[in-house]
Amino acid sequence: MNPSTASSRKTAATNPVEAQDWTDRRATAQAHRAASARNSSSRRRFVDPTTCERDYTQAEREFMQAMQEYKQRSGRMFPTWSEVLEVLRELGYQKP
């Protein structure tokens, strides 16, 4: 590495304003694009029912408990749909 290259790298590293300007401009532009996309989308935001305060039916509580037990037993935080179907069948559900 020649001395002029080392000097220019050291200057850029010690001048946080230049690095910050570039990073902030890029992050700001990205944030504006994301906000614009969110605002123009007519989709409803997903609301996780487990975070809502409501009364669950006995069947819903039984299913949520069975899913929680399956996740603990299998060590899988995000079961596949096949695994969800397996839990439902273990609970006795079947297609009529």
N, C-alpha and C. Protein backbone atom coordinates (compact mmCIF):
# COMPACT_ATOMS: atom_id res chain seq x y z
N MET A 1 0.86 -1.16 0.00
CA MET A 1 0.00 0.00 0.00
C MET A 1 0.90 1.22 0.00
N ASN A 2 0.64 2.18 -0.89
CA ASN A 2 1.50 3.35 -0.94
C ASN A 2 1.02 4.37 0.10
N PRO A 3 1.89 5.31 0.46
CA PRO A 3 1.55 6.27 1.52
C PRO A 3 0.35 7.14 1.20
N SER A 4 0.14 7.49 -0.07
CA SER A 4 -1.00 8.37 -0.38
C SER A 4 -2.32 7.64 -0.18
N THR A 5 -2.36 6.33 -0.49
CA THR A 5 -3.57 5.55 -0.27
C THR A 5 -3.89 5.43 1.21
N ALA A 6 -2.85 5.16 1.98
CA ALA A 6 -3.04 5.03 3.42
C ALA A 6 -3.51 6.35 4.00
N SER A 7 -2.96 7.45 3.50
CA SER A 7 -3.33 8.77 3.99
C SER A 7 -4.79 9.08 3.67
N SER A 8 -5.23 8.77 2.44
CA SER A 8 -6.62 9.06 2.07
C SER A 8 -7.60 8.20 2.84
N ARG A 9 -7.24 6.95 3.10
CA ARG A 9 -8.12 6.09 3.91
C ARG A 9 -8.21 6.61 5.33
N LYS A 10 -7.10 7.05 5.88
CA LYS A 10 -7.09 7.56 7.24
C LYS A 10 -7.94 8.83 7.32
N THR A 11 -7.85 9.69 6.31
CA THR A 11 -8.62 10.93 6.30
C THR A 11 -10.12 10.63 6.24
N ALA A 12 -10.52 9.67 5.39
CA ALA A 12 -11.93 9.32 5.29
C ALA A 12 -12.44 8.70 6.58
N ALA A 13 -11.59 7.91 7.23
CA ALA A 13 -12.01 7.27 8.47
C ALA A 13 -12.11 8.27 9.61
N THR A 14 -11.24 9.32 9.59
CA THR A 14 -11.27 10.29 10.68
C THR A 14 -12.23 11.42 10.42
N ASN A 15 -12.83 11.48 9.23
CA ASN A 15 -13.79 12.53 8.90
C ASN A 15 -15.19 11.92 8.90
N PRO A 16 -15.81 11.85 10.08
CA PRO A 16 -17.12 11.18 10.16
C PRO A 16 -18.22 11.91 9.42
N VAL A 17 -18.06 13.20 9.16
CA VAL A 17 -19.10 13.97 8.49
C VAL A 17 -19.32 13.43 7.08
N GLU A 18 -18.23 13.17 6.33
CA GLU A 18 -18.37 12.66 4.97
C GLU A 18 -19.06 11.30 4.98
N ALA A 19 -18.63 10.40 5.82
CA ALA A 19 -19.24 9.07 5.88
C ALA A 19 -20.69 9.16 6.34
N GLN A 20 -20.95 10.04 7.31
CA GLN A 20 -22.31 10.17 7.83
C GLN A 20 -23.24 10.75 6.78
N ASP A 21 -22.78 11.75 6.01
CA ASP A 21 -23.61 12.33 4.96
C ASP A 21 -24.04 11.27 3.96
N TRP A 22 -23.12 10.46 3.51
CA TRP A 22 -23.43 9.42 2.53
C TRP A 22 -24.40 8.41 3.12
N THR A 23 -24.14 7.94 4.32
CA THR A 23 -24.99 6.95 4.96
C THR A 23 -26.38 7.52 5.21
N ASP A 24 -26.47 8.73 5.74
CA ASP A 24 -27.76 9.32 6.04
C ASP A 24 -28.59 9.55 4.78
N ARG A 25 -27.97 10.05 3.73
CA ARG A 25 -28.70 10.27 2.49
C ARG A 25 -29.27 8.97 1.95
N ARG A 26 -28.45 7.95 1.96
CA ARG A 26 -28.90 6.65 1.43
C ARG A 26 -30.01 6.06 2.29
N ALA A 27 -29.82 6.10 3.61
CA ALA A 27 -30.83 5.54 4.52
C ALA A 27 -32.12 6.36 4.44
N THR A 28 -31.99 7.67 4.33
CA THR A 28 -33.17 8.52 4.25
C THR A 28 -33.96 8.23 2.98
N ALA A 29 -33.25 8.11 1.86
CA ALA A 29 -33.93 7.80 0.60
C ALA A 29 -34.64 6.46 0.68
N GLN A 30 -33.98 5.48 1.29
CA GLN A 30 -34.58 4.14 1.42
C GLN A 30 -35.81 4.20 2.33
N ALA A 31 -35.73 4.96 3.40
CA ALA A 31 -36.86 5.08 4.32
C ALA A 31 -38.05 5.77 3.65
N HIS A 32 -37.75 6.78 2.83
CA HIS A 32 -38.83 7.47 2.12
C HIS A 32 -39.51 6.54 1.12
N ARG A 33 -38.72 5.73 0.42
CA ARG A 33 -39.32 4.79 -0.53
C ARG A 33 -40.19 3.77 0.19
N ALA A 34 -39.71 3.28 1.33
CA ALA A 34 -40.47 2.28 2.08
C ALA A 34 -41.77 2.88 2.61
N ALA A 35 -41.70 4.10 3.13
CA ALA A 35 -42.90 4.75 3.66
C ALA A 35 -43.91 5.00 2.55
N SER A 36 -43.40 5.42 1.39
CA SER A 36 -44.28 5.66 0.25
C SER A 36 -44.99 4.38 -0.18
N ALA A 37 -44.25 3.29 -0.21
CA ALA A 37 -44.83 2.00 -0.60
C ALA A 37 -45.89 1.56 0.41
N ARG A 38 -45.61 1.76 1.70
CA ARG A 38 -46.58 1.38 2.73
C ARG A 38 -47.85 2.20 2.61
N ASN A 39 -47.69 3.50 2.39
CA ASN A 39 -48.86 4.39 2.31
C ASN A 39 -49.70 4.13 1.07
N SER A 40 -49.06 3.75 -0.03
CA SER A 40 -49.82 3.54 -1.26
C SER A 40 -50.48 2.16 -1.30
N SER A 41 -50.05 1.27 -0.43
CA SER A 41 -50.63 -0.07 -0.40
C SER A 41 -51.99 -0.04 0.28
N SER A 42 -52.96 -0.71 -0.31
CA SER A 42 -54.29 -0.74 0.29
C SER A 42 -54.48 -1.98 1.16
N ARG A 43 -53.41 -2.75 1.33
CA ARG A 43 -53.52 -3.95 2.16
C ARG A 43 -53.67 -3.58 3.62
N ARG A 44 -54.44 -4.39 4.32
CA ARG A 44 -54.56 -4.20 5.76
C ARG A 44 -53.31 -4.71 6.43
N ARG A 45 -52.94 -4.11 7.51
CA ARG A 45 -51.79 -4.60 8.26
C ARG A 45 -52.20 -5.87 8.99
N PHE A 46 -51.28 -6.81 9.08
CA PHE A 46 -51.56 -8.07 9.77
C PHE A 46 -51.57 -7.81 11.27
N VAL A 47 -52.62 -8.24 11.91
CA VAL A 47 -52.71 -8.13 13.35
C VAL A 47 -52.67 -9.54 13.91
N ASP A 48 -51.66 -9.82 14.71
CA ASP A 48 -51.49 -11.14 15.29
C ASP A 48 -52.56 -11.36 16.35
N PRO A 49 -53.42 -12.36 16.18
CA PRO A 49 -54.51 -12.56 17.14
C PRO A 49 -54.03 -12.91 18.54
N THR A 50 -52.81 -13.40 18.65
CA THR A 50 -52.32 -13.75 19.99
C THR A 50 -51.96 -12.50 20.78
N THR A 51 -51.84 -11.35 20.10
CA THR A 51 -51.53 -10.12 20.83
C THR A 51 -52.78 -9.31 21.12
N CYS A 52 -53.92 -9.72 20.59
CA CYS A 52 -55.17 -9.02 20.85
C CYS A 52 -55.78 -9.52 22.14
N GLU A 53 -56.45 -8.62 22.82
CA GLU A 53 -57.16 -9.05 24.02
C GLU A 53 -58.56 -9.45 23.60
N ARG A 54 -58.83 -10.72 23.67
CA ARG A 54 -60.17 -11.21 23.35
C ARG A 54 -60.35 -12.55 24.02
N ASP A 55 -61.58 -13.00 24.08
CA ASP A 55 -61.87 -14.31 24.66
C ASP A 55 -61.78 -15.37 23.57
N TYR A 56 -60.99 -16.38 23.82
CA TYR A 56 -60.83 -17.47 22.87
C TYR A 56 -61.80 -18.58 23.21
N THR A 57 -62.26 -19.29 22.19
CA THR A 57 -63.11 -20.44 22.44
C THR A 57 -62.25 -21.57 23.00
N GLN A 58 -62.90 -22.57 23.53
CA GLN A 58 -62.18 -23.72 24.06
C GLN A 58 -61.36 -24.39 22.96
N ALA A 59 -61.91 -24.51 21.75
CA ALA A 59 -61.19 -25.14 20.64
C ALA A 59 -59.96 -24.33 20.24
N GLU A 60 -60.09 -22.99 20.26
CA GLU A 60 -58.93 -22.14 19.92
C GLU A 60 -57.83 -22.28 20.96
N ARG A 61 -58.20 -22.28 22.23
CA ARG A 61 -57.19 -22.44 23.29
C ARG A 61 -56.53 -23.80 23.20
N GLU A 62 -57.31 -24.83 22.92
CA GLU A 62 -56.77 -26.18 22.79
C GLU A 62 -55.77 -26.26 21.62
N PHE A 63 -56.12 -25.64 20.50
CA PHE A 63 -55.24 -25.65 19.34
C PHE A 63 -53.96 -24.86 19.62
N MET A 64 -54.09 -23.66 20.22
CA MET A 64 -52.89 -22.87 20.52
C MET A 64 -51.97 -23.61 21.48
N GLN A 65 -52.55 -24.28 22.48
CA GLN A 65 -51.75 -25.05 23.43
C GLN A 65 -51.05 -26.22 22.74
N ALA A 66 -51.77 -26.91 21.86
CA ALA A 66 -51.19 -28.03 21.12
C ALA A 66 -50.05 -27.56 20.22
N MET A 67 -50.21 -26.40 19.58
CA MET A 67 -49.15 -25.86 18.73
C MET A 67 -47.94 -25.48 19.57
N GLN A 68 -48.17 -24.89 20.72
CA GLN A 68 -47.06 -24.51 21.60
C GLN A 68 -46.31 -25.75 22.08
N GLU A 69 -47.04 -26.78 22.46
CA GLU A 69 -46.39 -28.03 22.88
C GLU A 69 -45.60 -28.65 21.74
N TYR A 70 -46.17 -28.62 20.53
CA TYR A 70 -45.45 -29.17 19.36
C TYR A 70 -44.15 -28.41 19.12
N LYS A 71 -44.22 -27.07 19.19
CA LYS A 71 -43.02 -26.26 18.96
C LYS A 71 -41.95 -26.57 20.00
N GLN A 72 -42.35 -26.74 21.24
CA GLN A 72 -41.38 -27.06 22.29
C GLN A 72 -40.81 -28.46 22.10
N ARG A 73 -41.66 -29.40 21.77
CA ARG A 73 -41.25 -30.79 21.59
C ARG A 73 -40.33 -30.95 20.38
N SER A 74 -40.64 -30.26 19.29
CA SER A 74 -39.87 -30.43 18.06
C SER A 74 -38.68 -29.48 17.98
N GLY A 75 -38.70 -28.43 18.78
CA GLY A 75 -37.62 -27.45 18.73
C GLY A 75 -37.75 -26.52 17.53
N ARG A 76 -38.89 -26.56 16.86
CA ARG A 76 -39.10 -25.71 15.68
C ARG A 76 -39.97 -24.52 16.08
N MET A 77 -39.43 -23.34 15.86
CA MET A 77 -40.16 -22.14 16.22
C MET A 77 -41.27 -21.83 15.21
N PHE A 78 -41.03 -22.19 13.94
CA PHE A 78 -41.99 -21.90 12.88
C PHE A 78 -42.34 -23.19 12.15
N PRO A 79 -43.37 -23.91 12.61
CA PRO A 79 -43.74 -25.17 11.96
C PRO A 79 -44.25 -24.96 10.54
N THR A 80 -44.04 -25.95 9.71
CA THR A 80 -44.56 -25.91 8.35
C THR A 80 -46.05 -26.20 8.39
N TRP A 81 -46.73 -25.96 7.26
CA TRP A 81 -48.16 -26.24 7.22
C TRP A 81 -48.42 -27.73 7.38
N SER A 82 -47.53 -28.57 6.90
CA SER A 82 -47.69 -30.02 7.09
C SER A 82 -47.65 -30.36 8.57
N GLU A 83 -46.79 -29.70 9.31
CA GLU A 83 -46.70 -29.95 10.74
C GLU A 83 -47.93 -29.42 11.47
N VAL A 84 -48.49 -28.30 11.01
CA VAL A 84 -49.73 -27.78 11.60
C VAL A 84 -50.85 -28.78 11.37
N LEU A 85 -50.92 -29.32 10.16
CA LEU A 85 -51.93 -30.33 9.86
C LEU A 85 -51.75 -31.57 10.74
N GLU A 86 -50.50 -31.94 10.98
CA GLU A 86 -50.21 -33.08 11.86
C GLU A 86 -50.74 -32.81 13.27
N VAL A 87 -50.55 -31.61 13.77
CA VAL A 87 -51.05 -31.25 15.11
C VAL A 87 -52.57 -31.32 15.12
N LEU A 88 -53.21 -30.79 14.07
CA LEU A 88 -54.67 -30.85 14.00
C LEU A 88 -55.17 -32.29 14.02
N ARG A 89 -54.50 -33.15 13.27
CA ARG A 89 -54.93 -34.57 13.25
C ARG A 89 -54.73 -35.22 14.60
N GLU A 90 -53.64 -34.85 15.31
CA GLU A 90 -53.43 -35.39 16.66
C GLU A 90 -54.55 -34.96 17.60
N LEU A 91 -55.12 -33.78 17.34
CA LEU A 91 -56.24 -33.31 18.15
C LEU A 91 -57.56 -33.99 17.77
N GLY A 92 -57.56 -34.77 16.68
CA GLY A 92 -58.75 -35.49 16.29
C GLY A 92 -59.52 -34.87 15.16
N TYR A 93 -59.03 -33.78 14.59
CA TYR A 93 -59.73 -33.15 13.47
C TYR A 93 -59.50 -33.95 12.19
N GLN A 94 -60.57 -34.07 11.40
CA GLN A 94 -60.46 -34.73 10.10
C GLN A 94 -61.42 -34.09 9.13
N LYS A 95 -61.08 -34.18 7.86
CA LYS A 95 -61.91 -33.60 6.82
C LYS A 95 -63.15 -34.47 6.65
N PRO A 96 -64.34 -33.84 6.66
CA PRO A 96 -65.57 -34.64 6.55
C PRO A 96 -65.76 -35.21 5.16
